[in-house]
Amino acid sequence: MKKVYTSENRFYVGNIRNLLEAQGIASDLRNEHVSSATGEVPVFDAWPELWVEERDFERAQYIVEQALSPVDATPWLCPQCREENDPAFEFCWNCQAEAPASDT
């Protein structure tokens, strides 16, 4: 088995685990309850870790990289009030006008 992901935040680890499982990749969660030993062991050794079978490692690594890479979306300009909006918004935060249709 190979370690594919670790983080101090167990919710991040859980999210990555869900993404892997959705793609049919089983994983072992290690160090889930080791945080209570922090101070007695190095802090990085107490972080939760996801491990996968060697045969799934490259695919799992790709899934993790895609999940952690920033989205290339750009802010959009409201056609009604000309206010700039975050790419995640479907409606203008200022005037509630609908976002323009994307060309993709």
PDB file of N, CA and C in Angstrom:
ATOM      1  N   MET A   1       0.850  -1.185   0.000  1.00  0.00           N
ATOM      2  CA  MET A   1       0.000   0.000   0.000  1.00  0.00           C
ATOM      3  C   MET A   1       0.887   1.237   0.000  1.00  0.00           C
ATOM      4  N   LYS A   2       0.319   2.322  -0.552  1.00  0.00           N
ATOM      5  CA  LYS A   2       1.057   3.589  -0.622  1.00  0.00           C
ATOM      6  C   LYS A   2       0.181   4.721  -0.101  1.00  0.00           C
ATOM      7  N   LYS A   3       0.826   5.648   0.598  1.00  0.00           N
ATOM      8  CA  LYS A   3       0.103   6.817   1.111  1.00  0.00           C
ATOM      9  C   LYS A   3      -0.160   7.767  -0.043  1.00  0.00           C
ATOM     10  N   VAL A   4      -1.434   8.132  -0.208  1.00  0.00           N
ATOM     11  CA  VAL A   4      -1.799   9.023  -1.305  1.00  0.00           C
ATOM     12  C   VAL A   4      -2.161  10.421  -0.821  1.00  0.00           C
ATOM     13  N   TYR A   5      -2.529  10.568   0.454  1.00  0.00           N
ATOM     14  CA  TYR A   5      -2.928  11.893   0.938  1.00  0.00           C
ATOM     15  C   TYR A   5      -2.872  11.935   2.454  1.00  0.00           C
ATOM     16  N   THR A   6      -2.494  13.094   2.979  1.00  0.00           N
ATOM     17  CA  THR A   6      -2.544  13.357   4.417  1.00  0.00           C
ATOM     18  C   THR A   6      -2.824  14.843   4.628  1.00  0.00           C
ATOM     19  N   SER A   7      -3.465  15.155   5.723  1.00  0.00           N
ATOM     20  CA  SER A   7      -3.761  16.543   6.072  1.00  0.00           C
ATOM     21  C   SER A   7      -4.027  16.606   7.563  1.00  0.00           C
ATOM     22  N   GLU A   8      -3.759  17.757   8.146  1.00  0.00           N
ATOM     23  CA  GLU A   8      -4.083  17.917   9.562  1.00  0.00           C
ATOM     24  C   GLU A   8      -5.597  17.972   9.770  1.00  0.00           C
ATOM     25  N   ASN A   9      -6.344  18.298   8.718  1.00  0.00           N
ATOM     26  CA  ASN A   9      -7.795  18.429   8.802  1.00  0.00           C
ATOM     27  C   ASN A   9      -8.458  17.113   8.384  1.00  0.00           C
ATOM     28  N   ARG A  10      -9.075  16.429   9.332  1.00  0.00           N
ATOM     29  CA  ARG A  10      -9.664  15.126   9.020  1.00  0.00           C
ATOM     30  C   ARG A  10     -10.857  15.235   8.081  1.00  0.00           C
ATOM     31  N   PHE A  11     -11.477  16.402   8.000  1.00  0.00           N
ATOM     32  CA  PHE A  11     -12.585  16.581   7.067  1.00  0.00           C
ATOM     33  C   PHE A  11     -12.077  16.604   5.625  1.00  0.00           C
ATOM     34  N   TYR A  12     -10.910  17.194   5.403  1.00  0.00           N
ATOM     35  CA  TYR A  12     -10.293  17.155   4.069  1.00  0.00           C
ATOM     36  C   TYR A  12      -9.971  15.721   3.680  1.00  0.00           C
ATOM     37  N   VAL A  13      -9.413  14.977   4.632  1.00  0.00           N
ATOM     38  CA  VAL A  13      -9.069  13.583   4.372  1.00  0.00           C
ATOM     39  C   VAL A  13     -10.345  12.795   4.041  1.00  0.00           C
ATOM     40  N   GLY A  14     -11.405  13.042   4.785  1.00  0.00           N
ATOM     41  CA  GLY A  14     -12.680  12.364   4.524  1.00  0.00           C
ATOM     42  C   GLY A  14     -13.239  12.709   3.167  1.00  0.00           C
ATOM     43  N   ASN A  15     -13.099  13.964   2.752  1.00  0.00           N
ATOM     44  CA  ASN A  15     -13.596  14.381   1.450  1.00  0.00           C
ATOM     45  C   ASN A  15     -12.823  13.678   0.328  1.00  0.00           C
ATOM     46  N   ILE A  16     -11.507  13.628   0.455  1.00  0.00           N
ATOM     47  CA  ILE A  16     -10.691  12.944  -0.547  1.00  0.00           C
ATOM     48  C   ILE A  16     -11.043  11.461  -0.572  1.00  0.00           C
ATOM     49  N   ARG A  17     -11.263  10.886   0.582  1.00  0.00           N
ATOM     50  CA  ARG A  17     -11.652   9.469   0.638  1.00  0.00           C
ATOM     51  C   ARG A  17     -12.959   9.244  -0.115  1.00  0.00           C
ATOM     52  N   ASN A  18     -13.916  10.130   0.069  1.00  0.00           N
ATOM     53  CA  ASN A  18     -15.188  10.011  -0.652  1.00  0.00           C
ATOM     54  C   ASN A  18     -14.982  10.110  -2.159  1.00  0.00           C
ATOM     55  N   LEU A  19     -14.115  11.025  -2.599  1.00  0.00           N
ATOM     56  CA  LEU A  19     -13.835  11.164  -4.027  1.00  0.00           C
ATOM     57  C   LEU A  19     -13.210   9.898  -4.599  1.00  0.00           C
ATOM     58  N   LEU A  20     -12.291   9.301  -3.861  1.00  0.00           N
ATOM     59  CA  LEU A  20     -11.661   8.061  -4.312  1.00  0.00           C
ATOM     60  C   LEU A  20     -12.679   6.924  -4.382  1.00  0.00           C
ATOM     61  N   GLU A  21     -13.499   6.802  -3.359  1.00  0.00           N
ATOM     62  CA  GLU A  21     -14.498   5.737  -3.334  1.00  0.00           C
ATOM     63  C   GLU A  21     -15.512   5.902  -4.458  1.00  0.00           C
ATOM     64  N   ALA A  22     -15.842   7.148  -4.802  1.00  0.00           N
ATOM     65  CA  ALA A  22     -16.771   7.395  -5.914  1.00  0.00           C
ATOM     66  C   ALA A  22     -16.194   6.906  -7.245  1.00  0.00           C
ATOM     67  N   GLN A  23     -14.874   6.813  -7.315  1.00  0.00           N
ATOM     68  CA  GLN A  23     -14.204   6.324  -8.526  1.00  0.00           C
ATOM     69  C   GLN A  23     -13.813   4.848  -8.394  1.00  0.00           C
ATOM     70  N   GLY A  24     -14.326   4.183  -7.368  1.00  0.00           N
ATOM     71  CA  GLY A  24     -14.088   2.761  -7.196  1.00  0.00           C
ATOM     72  C   GLY A  24     -12.741   2.408  -6.598  1.00  0.00           C
ATOM     73  N   ILE A  25     -12.100   3.362  -5.932  1.00  0.00           N
ATOM     74  CA  ILE A  25     -10.797   3.113  -5.313  1.00  0.00           C
ATOM     75  C   ILE A  25     -10.973   2.999  -3.808  1.00  0.00           C
ATOM     76  N   ALA A  26     -10.699   1.810  -3.288  1.00  0.00           N
ATOM     77  CA  ALA A  26     -10.780   1.595  -1.845  1.00  0.00           C
ATOM     78  C   ALA A  26      -9.553   2.205  -1.177  1.00  0.00           C
ATOM     79  N   SER A  27      -9.740   2.705   0.034  1.00  0.00           N
ATOM     80  CA  SER A  27      -8.619   3.302   0.763  1.00  0.00           C
ATOM     81  C   SER A  27      -8.693   2.907   2.229  1.00  0.00           C
ATOM     82  N   ASP A  28      -7.533   2.900   2.853  1.00  0.00           N
ATOM     83  CA  ASP A  28      -7.445   2.691   4.296  1.00  0.00           C
ATOM     84  C   ASP A  28      -7.185   4.036   4.945  1.00  0.00           C
ATOM     85  N   LEU A  29      -7.941   4.342   5.984  1.00  0.00           N
ATOM     86  CA  LEU A  29      -7.734   5.562   6.755  1.00  0.00           C
ATOM     87  C   LEU A  29      -6.895   5.201   7.969  1.00  0.00           C
ATOM     88  N   ARG A  30      -5.730   5.815   8.051  1.00  0.00           N
ATOM     89  CA  ARG A  30      -4.819   5.543   9.161  1.00  0.00           C
ATOM     90  C   ARG A  30      -4.641   6.793  10.009  1.00  0.00           C
ATOM     91  N   ASN A  31      -4.289   6.604  11.259  1.00  0.00           N
ATOM     92  CA  ASN A  31      -4.057   7.689  12.227  1.00  0.00           C
ATOM     93  C   ASN A  31      -5.323   8.480  12.535  1.00  0.00           C
ATOM     94  N   GLU A  32      -6.454   7.855  12.368  1.00  0.00           N
ATOM     95  CA  GLU A  32      -7.716   8.562  12.601  1.00  0.00           C
ATOM     96  C   GLU A  32      -7.843   9.069  14.035  1.00  0.00           C
ATOM     97  N   HIS A  33      -7.322   8.317  14.990  1.00  0.00           N
ATOM     98  CA  HIS A  33      -7.490   8.673  16.401  1.00  0.00           C
ATOM     99  C   HIS A  33      -6.161   8.946  17.098  1.00  0.00           C
ATOM    100  N   VAL A  34      -5.130   9.298  16.336  1.00  0.00           N
ATOM    101  CA  VAL A  34      -3.802   9.505  16.910  1.00  0.00           C
ATOM    102  C   VAL A  34      -3.611  10.935  17.420  1.00  0.00           C
ATOM    103  N   SER A  35      -4.517  11.836  17.097  1.00  0.00           N
ATOM    104  CA  SER A  35      -4.324  13.236  17.485  1.00  0.00           C
ATOM    105  C   SER A  35      -4.148  13.410  18.989  1.00  0.00           C
ATOM    106  N   SER A  36      -4.675  12.490  19.776  1.00  0.00           N
ATOM    107  CA  SER A  36      -4.505  12.595  21.225  1.00  0.00           C
ATOM    108  C   SER A  36      -3.060  12.351  21.653  1.00  0.00           C
ATOM    109  N   ALA A  37      -2.253  11.788  20.762  1.00  0.00           N
ATOM    110  CA  ALA A  37      -0.842  11.535  21.066  1.00  0.00           C
ATOM    111  C   ALA A  37       0.049  12.702  20.661  1.00  0.00           C
ATOM    112  N   THR A  38      -0.535  13.764  20.104  1.00  0.00           N
ATOM    113  CA  THR A  38       0.256  14.917  19.702  1.00  0.00           C
ATOM    114  C   THR A  38       0.997  15.455  20.918  1.00  0.00           C
ATOM    115  N   GLY A  39       2.269  15.701  20.738  1.00  0.00           N
ATOM    116  CA  GLY A  39       3.131  16.105  21.844  1.00  0.00           C
ATOM    117  C   GLY A  39       4.074  14.984  22.213  1.00  0.00           C
ATOM    118  N   GLU A  40       3.574  13.754  22.083  1.00  0.00           N
ATOM    119  CA  GLU A  40       4.411  12.590  22.339  1.00  0.00           C
ATOM    120  C   GLU A  40       5.015  12.061  21.040  1.00  0.00           C
ATOM    121  N   VAL A  41       4.343  12.344  19.927  1.00  0.00           N
ATOM    122  CA  VAL A  41       4.857  11.972  18.605  1.00  0.00           C
ATOM    123  C   VAL A  41       4.916  13.245  17.774  1.00  0.00           C
ATOM    124  N   PRO A  42       5.759  13.287  16.754  1.00  0.00           N
ATOM    125  CA  PRO A  42       5.797  14.481  15.898  1.00  0.00           C
ATOM    126  C   PRO A  42       4.411  14.770  15.317  1.00  0.00           C
ATOM    127  N   VAL A  43       4.073  16.037  15.229  1.00  0.00           N
ATOM    128  CA  VAL A  43       2.727  16.445  14.815  1.00  0.00           C
ATOM    129  C   VAL A  43       2.352  15.886  13.449  1.00  0.00           C
ATOM    130  N   PHE A  44       3.285  15.857  12.499  1.00  0.00           N
ATOM    131  CA  PHE A  44       2.958  15.349  11.166  1.00  0.00           C
ATOM    132  C   PHE A  44       2.665  13.852  11.191  1.00  0.00           C
ATOM    133  N   ASP A  45       3.225  13.141  12.153  1.00  0.00           N
ATOM    134  CA  ASP A  45       2.962  11.710  12.268  1.00  0.00           C
ATOM    135  C   ASP A  45       1.585  11.423  12.853  1.00  0.00           C
ATOM    136  N   ALA A  46       0.949  12.450  13.371  1.00  0.00           N
ATOM    137  CA  ALA A  46      -0.374  12.271  13.966  1.00  0.00           C
ATOM    138  C   ALA A  46      -1.505  12.659  13.013  1.00  0.00           C
ATOM    139  N   TRP A  47      -1.171  13.148  11.828  1.00  0.00           N
ATOM    140  CA  TRP A  47      -2.209  13.530  10.866  1.00  0.00           C
ATOM    141  C   TRP A  47      -2.877  12.285  10.286  1.00  0.00           C
ATOM    142  N   PRO A  48      -4.183  12.354  10.007  1.00  0.00           N
ATOM    143  CA  PRO A  48      -4.850  11.244   9.328  1.00  0.00           C
ATOM    144  C   PRO A  48      -4.259  11.048   7.923  1.00  0.00           C
ATOM    145  N   GLU A  49      -4.173   9.804   7.498  1.00  0.00           N
ATOM    146  CA  GLU A  49      -3.590   9.476   6.202  1.00  0.00           C
ATOM    147  C   GLU A  49      -4.500   8.544   5.422  1.00  0.00           C
ATOM    148  N   LEU A  50      -4.493   8.692   4.096  1.00  0.00           N
ATOM    149  CA  LEU A  50      -5.193   7.764   3.210  1.00  0.00           C
ATOM    150  C   LEU A  50      -4.169   6.938   2.462  1.00  0.00           C
ATOM    151  N   TRP A  51      -4.356   5.644   2.483  1.00  0.00           N
ATOM    152  CA  TRP A  51      -3.477   4.709   1.801  1.00  0.00           C
ATOM    153  C   TRP A  51      -4.312   3.912   0.806  1.00  0.00           C
ATOM    154  N   VAL A  52      -3.733   3.631  -0.357  1.00  0.00           N
ATOM    155  CA  VAL A  52      -4.414   2.852  -1.395  1.00  0.00           C
ATOM    156  C   VAL A  52      -3.500   1.716  -1.843  1.00  0.00           C
ATOM    157  N   GLU A  53      -4.107   0.753  -2.496  1.00  0.00           N
ATOM    158  CA  GLU A  53      -3.329  -0.346  -3.062  1.00  0.00           C
ATOM    159  C   GLU A  53      -2.390   0.202  -4.126  1.00  0.00           C
ATOM    160  N   GLU A  54      -1.258  -0.423  -4.263  1.00  0.00           N
ATOM    161  CA  GLU A  54      -0.241   0.003  -5.229  1.00  0.00           C
ATOM    162  C   GLU A  54      -0.817   0.114  -6.643  1.00  0.00           C
ATOM    163  N   ARG A  55      -1.677  -0.822  -7.024  1.00  0.00           N
ATOM    164  CA  ARG A  55      -2.246  -0.831  -8.382  1.00  0.00           C
ATOM    165  C   ARG A  55      -3.151   0.392  -8.636  1.00  0.00           C
ATOM    166  N   ASP A  56      -3.688   0.991  -7.571  1.00  0.00           N
ATOM    167  CA  ASP A  56      -4.584   2.146  -7.701  1.00  0.00           C
ATOM    168  C   ASP A  56      -3.885   3.477  -7.456  1.00  0.00           C
ATOM    169  N   PHE A  57      -2.605   3.433  -7.091  1.00  0.00           N
ATOM    170  CA  PHE A  57      -1.929   4.636  -6.629  1.00  0.00           C
ATOM    171  C   PHE A  57      -1.902   5.756  -7.669  1.00  0.00           C
ATOM    172  N   GLU A  58      -1.498   5.479  -8.894  1.00  0.00           N
ATOM    173  CA  GLU A  58      -1.391   6.544  -9.899  1.00  0.00           C
ATOM    174  C   GLU A  58      -2.739   7.191 -10.175  1.00  0.00           C
ATOM    175  N   ARG A  59      -3.777   6.377 -10.308  1.00  0.00           N
ATOM    176  CA  ARG A  59      -5.117   6.928 -10.543  1.00  0.00           C
ATOM    177  C   ARG A  59      -5.587   7.736  -9.340  1.00  0.00           C
ATOM    178  N   ALA A  60      -5.330   7.234  -8.138  1.00  0.00           N
ATOM    179  CA  ALA A  60      -5.724   7.950  -6.919  1.00  0.00           C
ATOM    180  C   ALA A  60      -4.968   9.266  -6.802  1.00  0.00           C
ATOM    181  N   GLN A  61      -3.695   9.235  -7.124  1.00  0.00           N
ATOM    182  CA  GLN A  61      -2.879  10.448  -7.068  1.00  0.00           C
ATOM    183  C   GLN A  61      -3.422  11.499  -8.037  1.00  0.00           C
ATOM    184  N   TYR A  62      -3.833  11.077  -9.227  1.00  0.00           N
ATOM    185  CA  TYR A  62      -4.408  11.994 -10.210  1.00  0.00           C
ATOM    186  C   TYR A  62      -5.708  12.605  -9.664  1.00  0.00           C
ATOM    187  N   ILE A  63      -6.549  11.795  -9.053  1.00  0.00           N
ATOM    188  CA  ILE A  63      -7.814  12.286  -8.496  1.00  0.00           C
ATOM    189  C   ILE A  63      -7.553  13.316  -7.398  1.00  0.00           C
ATOM    190  N   VAL A  64      -6.579  13.040  -6.541  1.00  0.00           N
ATOM    191  CA  VAL A  64      -6.222  13.976  -5.471  1.00  0.00           C
ATOM    192  C   VAL A  64      -5.705  15.283  -6.071  1.00  0.00           C
ATOM    193  N   GLU A  65      -4.820  15.204  -7.055  1.00  0.00           N
ATOM    194  CA  GLU A  65      -4.279  16.414  -7.688  1.00  0.00           C
ATOM    195  C   GLU A  65      -5.383  17.250  -8.326  1.00  0.00           C
ATOM    196  N   GLN A  66      -6.327  16.600  -8.986  1.00  0.00           N
ATOM    197  CA  GLN A  66      -7.437  17.325  -9.613  1.00  0.00           C
ATOM    198  C   GLN A  66      -8.325  17.991  -8.564  1.00  0.00           C
ATOM    199  N   ALA A  67      -8.554  17.298  -7.469  1.00  0.00           N
ATOM    200  CA  ALA A  67      -9.400  17.844  -6.405  1.00  0.00           C
ATOM    201  C   ALA A  67      -8.761  19.045  -5.728  1.00  0.00           C
ATOM    202  N   LEU A  68      -7.437  19.052  -5.653  1.00  0.00           N
ATOM    203  CA  LEU A  68      -6.743  20.123  -4.949  1.00  0.00           C
ATOM    204  C   LEU A  68      -6.300  21.267  -5.849  1.00  0.00           C
ATOM    205  N   SER A  69      -6.394  21.081  -7.160  1.00  0.00           N
ATOM    206  CA  SER A  69      -5.946  22.141  -8.063  1.00  0.00           C
ATOM    207  C   SER A  69      -7.005  23.233  -8.159  1.00  0.00           C
ATOM    208  N   PRO A  70      -6.576  24.481  -8.265  1.00  0.00           N
ATOM    209  CA  PRO A  70      -7.541  25.577  -8.336  1.00  0.00           C
ATOM    210  C   PRO A  70      -8.334  25.520  -9.634  1.00  0.00           C
ATOM    211  N   VAL A  71      -9.574  25.926  -9.544  1.00  0.00           N
ATOM    212  CA  VAL A  71     -10.441  25.980 -10.718  1.00  0.00           C
ATOM    213  C   VAL A  71     -10.062  27.210 -11.539  1.00  0.00           C
ATOM    214  N   ASP A  72     -10.055  27.063 -12.846  1.00  0.00           N
ATOM    215  CA  ASP A  72      -9.653  28.164 -13.725  1.00  0.00           C
ATOM    216  C   ASP A  72     -10.802  29.114 -14.063  1.00  0.00           C
ATOM    217  N   ALA A  73     -11.855  29.080 -13.283  1.00  0.00           N
ATOM    218  CA  ALA A  73     -12.984  29.960 -13.544  1.00  0.00           C
ATOM    219  C   ALA A  73     -12.609  31.408 -13.253  1.00  0.00           C
ATOM    220  N   THR A  74     -13.189  32.293 -13.999  1.00  0.00           N
ATOM    221  CA  THR A  74     -12.922  33.716 -13.799  1.00  0.00           C
ATOM    222  C   THR A  74     -14.198  34.418 -13.347  1.00  0.00           C
ATOM    223  N   PRO A  75     -14.049  35.520 -12.643  1.00  0.00           N
ATOM    224  CA  PRO A  75     -15.233  36.287 -12.245  1.00  0.00           C
ATOM    225  C   PRO A  75     -16.021  36.745 -13.477  1.00  0.00           C
ATOM    226  N   TRP A  76     -17.317  36.961 -13.294  1.00  0.00           N
ATOM    227  CA  TRP A  76     -18.135  37.426 -14.403  1.00  0.00           C
ATOM    228  C   TRP A  76     -18.723  38.791 -14.067  1.00  0.00           C
ATOM    229  N   LEU A  77     -18.974  39.564 -15.107  1.00  0.00           N
ATOM    230  CA  LEU A  77     -19.508  40.915 -14.982  1.00  0.00           C
ATOM    231  C   LEU A  77     -21.018  40.868 -15.208  1.00  0.00           C
ATOM    232  N   CYS A  78     -21.763  41.415 -14.278  1.00  0.00           N
ATOM    233  CA  CYS A  78     -23.221  41.416 -14.394  1.00  0.00           C
ATOM    234  C   CYS A  78     -23.643  42.260 -15.584  1.00  0.00           C
ATOM    235  N   PRO A  79     -24.467  41.712 -16.473  1.00  0.00           N
ATOM    236  CA  PRO A  79     -24.907  42.474 -17.639  1.00  0.00           C
ATOM    237  C   PRO A  79     -25.859  43.620 -17.279  1.00  0.00           C
ATOM    238  N   GLN A  80     -26.451  43.540 -16.085  1.00  0.00           N
ATOM    239  CA  GLN A  80     -27.420  44.552 -15.684  1.00  0.00           C
ATOM    240  C   GLN A  80     -26.791  45.710 -14.919  1.00  0.00           C
ATOM    241  N   CYS A  81     -26.000  45.409 -13.886  1.00  0.00           N
ATOM    242  CA  CYS A  81     -25.464  46.483 -13.040  1.00  0.00           C
ATOM    243  C   CYS A  81     -23.946  46.646 -13.163  1.00  0.00           C
ATOM    244  N   ARG A  82     -23.309  45.789 -13.962  1.00  0.00           N
ATOM    245  CA  ARG A  82     -21.864  45.841 -14.227  1.00  0.00           C
ATOM    246  C   ARG A  82     -21.002  45.523 -12.996  1.00  0.00           C
ATOM    247  N   GLU A  83     -21.574  44.866 -12.010  1.00  0.00           N
ATOM    248  CA  GLU A  83     -20.839  44.471 -10.812  1.00  0.00           C
ATOM    249  C   GLU A  83     -20.090  43.170 -11.080  1.00  0.00           C
ATOM    250  N   GLU A  84     -18.860  43.065 -10.564  1.00  0.00           N
ATOM    251  CA  GLU A  84     -18.096  41.828 -10.719  1.00  0.00           C
ATOM    252  C   GLU A  84     -18.575  40.807  -9.696  1.00  0.00           C
ATOM    253  N   ASN A  85     -18.730  39.546 -10.148  1.00  0.00           N
ATOM    254  CA  ASN A  85     -19.229  38.472  -9.298  1.00  0.00           C
ATOM    255  C   ASN A  85     -18.262  37.291  -9.297  1.00  0.00           C
ATOM    256  N   ASP A  86     -18.213  36.592  -8.185  1.00  0.00           N
ATOM    257  CA  ASP A  86     -17.407  35.385  -8.063  1.00  0.00           C
ATOM    258  C   ASP A  86     -17.924  34.326  -9.041  1.00  0.00           C
ATOM    259  N   PRO A  87     -17.046  33.501  -9.613  1.00  0.00           N
ATOM    260  CA  PRO A  87     -17.483  32.497 -10.577  1.00  0.00           C
ATOM    261  C   PRO A  87     -18.500  31.507 -10.012  1.00  0.00           C
ATOM    262  N   ALA A  88     -18.517  31.296  -8.701  1.00  0.00           N
ATOM    263  CA  ALA A  88     -19.452  30.345  -8.097  1.00  0.00           C
ATOM    264  C   ALA A  88     -20.881  30.883  -8.060  1.00  0.00           C
ATOM    265  N   PHE A  89     -21.056  32.205  -8.203  1.00  0.00           N
ATOM    266  CA  PHE A  89     -22.392  32.799  -8.123  1.00  0.00           C
ATOM    267  C   PHE A  89     -23.167  32.571  -9.415  1.00  0.00           C
ATOM    268  N   GLU A  90     -24.414  32.145  -9.284  1.00  0.00           N
ATOM    269  CA  GLU A  90     -25.297  31.990 -10.428  1.00  0.00           C
ATOM    270  C   GLU A  90     -26.121  33.254 -10.661  1.00  0.00           C
ATOM    271  N   PHE A  91     -26.187  34.096  -9.614  1.00  0.00           N
ATOM    272  CA  PHE A  91     -26.923  35.350  -9.695  1.00  0.00           C
ATOM    273  C   PHE A  91     -26.030  36.457  -9.152  1.00  0.00           C
ATOM    274  N   CYS A  92     -26.201  37.651  -9.653  1.00  0.00           N
ATOM    275  CA  CYS A  92     -25.430  38.794  -9.203  1.00  0.00           C
ATOM    276  C   CYS A  92     -25.717  39.049  -7.731  1.00  0.00           C
ATOM    277  N   TRP A  93     -24.661  39.251  -6.964  1.00  0.00           N
ATOM    278  CA  TRP A  93     -24.841  39.508  -5.544  1.00  0.00           C
ATOM    279  C   TRP A  93     -25.477  40.869  -5.302  1.00  0.00           C
ATOM    280  N   ASN A  94     -25.321  41.773  -6.258  1.00  0.00           N
ATOM    281  CA  ASN A  94     -25.799  43.142  -6.095  1.00  0.00           C
ATOM    282  C   ASN A  94     -27.257  43.327  -6.521  1.00  0.00           C
ATOM    283  N   CYS A  95     -27.599  42.822  -7.715  1.00  0.00           N
ATOM    284  CA  CYS A  95     -28.960  43.068  -8.234  1.00  0.00           C
ATOM    285  C   CYS A  95     -29.755  41.796  -8.504  1.00  0.00           C
ATOM    286  N   GLN A  96     -29.186  40.648  -8.235  1.00  0.00           N
ATOM    287  CA  GLN A  96     -29.817  39.346  -8.406  1.00  0.00           C
ATOM    288  C   GLN A  96     -30.129  38.975  -9.866  1.00  0.00           C
ATOM    289  N   ALA A  97     -29.491  39.662 -10.804  1.00  0.00           N
ATOM    290  CA  ALA A  97     -29.659  39.291 -12.209  1.00  0.00           C
ATOM    291  C   ALA A  97     -28.940  37.951 -12.436  1.00  0.00           C
ATOM    292  N   GLU A  98     -29.462  37.169 -13.365  1.00  0.00           N
ATOM    293  CA  GLU A  98     -28.859  35.869 -13.651  1.00  0.00           C
ATOM    294  C   GLU A  98     -27.524  36.035 -14.367  1.00  0.00           C
ATOM    295  N   ALA A  99     -26.608  35.128 -14.061  1.00  0.00           N
ATOM    296  CA  ALA A  99     -25.296  35.160 -14.713  1.00  0.00           C
ATOM    297  C   ALA A  99     -25.470  34.900 -16.223  1.00  0.00           C
ATOM    298  N   PRO A 100     -24.639  35.533 -17.040  1.00  0.00           N
ATOM    299  CA  PRO A 100     -24.741  35.255 -18.473  1.00  0.00           C
ATOM    300  C   PRO A 100     -24.371  33.813 -18.772  1.00  0.00           C
ATOM    301  N   ALA A 101     -24.950  33.248 -19.813  1.00  0.00           N
ATOM    302  CA  ALA A 101     -24.649  31.866 -20.201  1.00  0.00           C
ATOM    303  C   ALA A 101     -23.194  31.758 -20.583  1.00  0.00           C
ATOM    304  N   SER A 102     -22.572  30.651 -20.143  1.00  0.00           N
ATOM    305  CA  SER A 102     -21.151  30.466 -20.508  1.00  0.00           C
ATOM    306  C   SER A 102     -21.069  29.839 -21.888  1.00  0.00           C
ATOM    307  N   ASP A 103     -19.938  30.078 -22.548  1.00  0.00           N
ATOM    308  CA  ASP A 103     -19.745  29.564 -23.906  1.00  0.00           C
ATOM    309  C   ASP A 103     -19.169  28.171 -23.935  1.00  0.00           C
ATOM    310  N   THR A 104     -18.953  27.559 -22.759  1.00  0.00           N
ATOM    311  CA  THR A 104     -18.339  26.232 -22.727  1.00  0.00           C
ATOM    312  C   THR A 104     -19.318  25.134 -22.842  1.00  0.00           C
TER     313      THR A 104
END
